[in-house]
Amino acid sequence: MWKGILLGVMLGVAVTLFGICGLPAFSQVPTPKTAGTFGSETGPHLHSHSVLVEGKQQVVLVDTEQKTMAVYQIELSTGKVALKSVRKINWDLEMQSFNTNDPQPFDIQQMLQSN
């Protein structure tokens, strides 16, 4: 199962690199803040987001079926791809708020319900 997921993520990175940068990936400057969605109706849906960070392209892939995200960095000068982190986000998405300023979501809900 994990081999399939890893293969899917690596395929997603390759597709994202090809779609965003063209061939070869390291010879062109990618467009910052590029996002895309790909997948099939029967397979996992992957969402990608790409930004430039200090001479590197950062690609974030989110598998909405597995509720997992992975972050990759690509060195623009060499095309080297490095996996930076992987995280299950299902519990993150269950939180009402985290690291936010007032008003909190519960406070807004209370204000709306009292009117």
Protein backbone atom coordinates (compact mmCIF):
# COMPACT_ATOMS: atom_id res chain seq x y z
CA MET A 1 0.00 0.00 0.00
CA TRP A 2 2.74 2.47 0.97
CA LYS A 3 4.66 1.62 -2.19
CA GLY A 4 1.60 2.61 -4.21
CA ILE A 5 1.19 5.86 -2.27
CA LEU A 6 4.89 6.68 -2.60
CA LEU A 7 4.76 5.90 -6.31
CA GLY A 8 1.69 8.12 -6.64
CA VAL A 9 3.38 11.00 -4.81
CA MET A 10 6.55 10.70 -6.88
CA LEU A 11 4.46 10.55 -10.05
CA GLY A 12 2.61 13.62 -8.81
CA VAL A 13 5.90 15.47 -8.31
CA ALA A 14 7.04 14.50 -11.80
CA VAL A 15 3.74 15.59 -13.35
CA THR A 16 3.83 18.83 -11.37
CA LEU A 17 7.41 19.56 -12.44
CA PHE A 18 6.61 18.83 -16.06
CA GLY A 19 3.43 20.89 -16.00
CA ILE A 20 4.92 23.86 -14.17
CA CYS A 21 8.46 23.98 -15.48
CA GLY A 22 8.50 22.09 -18.76
CA LEU A 23 11.53 20.04 -19.79
CA PRO A 24 14.15 20.13 -18.44
CA ALA A 25 12.75 21.24 -15.10
CA PHE A 26 15.93 22.89 -13.86
CA SER A 27 16.71 24.99 -16.94
CA GLN A 28 13.71 27.30 -16.69
CA VAL A 29 12.45 29.56 -13.95
CA PRO A 30 9.05 28.29 -12.77
CA THR A 31 6.06 30.55 -12.34
CA PRO A 32 5.53 31.24 -8.63
CA LYS A 33 2.22 30.53 -6.91
CA THR A 34 1.12 27.89 -9.38
CA ALA A 35 -1.54 25.43 -8.29
CA GLY A 36 -3.21 22.49 -9.93
CA THR A 37 -5.40 19.47 -9.36
CA PHE A 38 -5.02 16.11 -10.98
CA GLY A 39 -6.31 12.58 -10.48
CA SER A 40 -9.10 10.37 -11.68
CA GLU A 41 -12.61 9.72 -10.46
CA THR A 42 -11.52 6.28 -9.21
CA GLY A 43 -8.08 7.22 -7.88
CA PRO A 44 -6.73 9.66 -5.33
CA HIS A 45 -7.09 13.34 -6.05
CA LEU A 46 -3.84 15.24 -5.67
CA HIS A 47 -3.62 19.00 -5.33
CA SER A 48 -0.34 20.81 -5.83
CA HIS A 49 0.94 24.24 -5.01
CA SER A 50 4.32 25.62 -6.02
CA VAL A 51 6.20 28.70 -4.85
CA LEU A 52 9.74 30.01 -5.17
CA VAL A 53 11.73 30.02 -1.93
CA GLU A 54 15.33 31.29 -1.91
CA GLY A 55 16.37 29.91 -5.30
CA LYS A 56 14.40 26.71 -4.81
CA GLN A 57 10.97 25.71 -5.94
CA GLN A 58 8.78 24.39 -3.15
CA VAL A 59 6.04 21.96 -4.18
CA VAL A 60 3.26 20.98 -1.79
CA LEU A 61 1.17 17.94 -2.75
CA VAL A 62 -2.06 17.18 -0.90
CA ASP A 63 -3.73 13.79 -1.30
CA THR A 64 -7.35 14.52 -0.40
CA GLU A 65 -8.26 10.84 -0.24
CA GLN A 66 -5.47 9.87 2.19
CA LYS A 67 -5.60 13.30 3.90
CA THR A 68 -1.83 13.51 3.67
CA MET A 69 0.46 16.29 2.49
CA ALA A 70 4.06 16.20 1.32
CA VAL A 71 6.50 19.08 0.81
CA TYR A 72 9.32 18.91 -1.74
CA GLN A 73 12.06 21.39 -2.65
CA ILE A 74 13.65 21.46 -6.08
CA GLU A 75 17.01 23.19 -6.59
CA LEU A 76 16.58 25.35 -9.68
CA SER A 77 20.23 25.10 -10.71
CA THR A 78 20.43 21.28 -10.66
CA GLY A 79 16.86 19.97 -10.68
CA LYS A 80 17.60 17.95 -7.52
CA VAL A 81 14.37 17.02 -5.69
CA ALA A 82 14.35 16.67 -1.89
CA LEU A 83 11.45 15.45 0.23
CA LYS A 84 11.22 17.86 3.19
CA SER A 85 8.20 16.58 5.12
CA VAL A 86 5.12 14.36 5.04
CA ARG A 87 2.17 14.77 7.38
CA LYS A 88 -1.27 13.25 7.90
CA ILE A 89 -3.64 16.21 8.13
CA ASN A 90 -6.91 14.51 9.07
CA TRP A 91 -6.70 15.61 12.73
CA ASP A 92 -5.46 19.08 11.78
CA LEU A 93 -8.62 19.56 9.74
CA GLU A 94 -10.80 18.62 12.74
CA MET A 95 -9.63 21.63 14.81
CA GLN A 96 -11.84 24.70 15.12
CA SER A 97 -8.82 27.01 15.30
CA PHE A 98 -5.08 27.02 15.87
CA ASN A 99 -2.63 29.89 16.06
CA THR A 100 -5.30 32.44 15.10
CA ASN A 101 -6.27 35.88 16.33
CA ASP A 102 -9.57 37.01 17.81
CA PRO A 103 -12.33 36.69 17.05
CA GLN A 104 -12.14 32.91 17.28
CA PRO A 105 -14.55 30.79 15.19
CA PHE A 106 -16.59 29.89 18.28
CA ASP A 107 -16.95 33.61 19.16
CA ILE A 108 -18.15 34.40 15.63
CA GLN A 109 -20.64 31.54 15.80
CA GLN A 110 -21.97 32.85 19.13
CA MET A 111 -22.34 36.38 17.73
CA LEU A 112 -24.21 35.14 14.67
CA GLN A 113 -26.51 32.89 16.67
CA SER A 114 -27.39 35.63 19.17
CA ASN A 115 -28.72 37.95 16.41
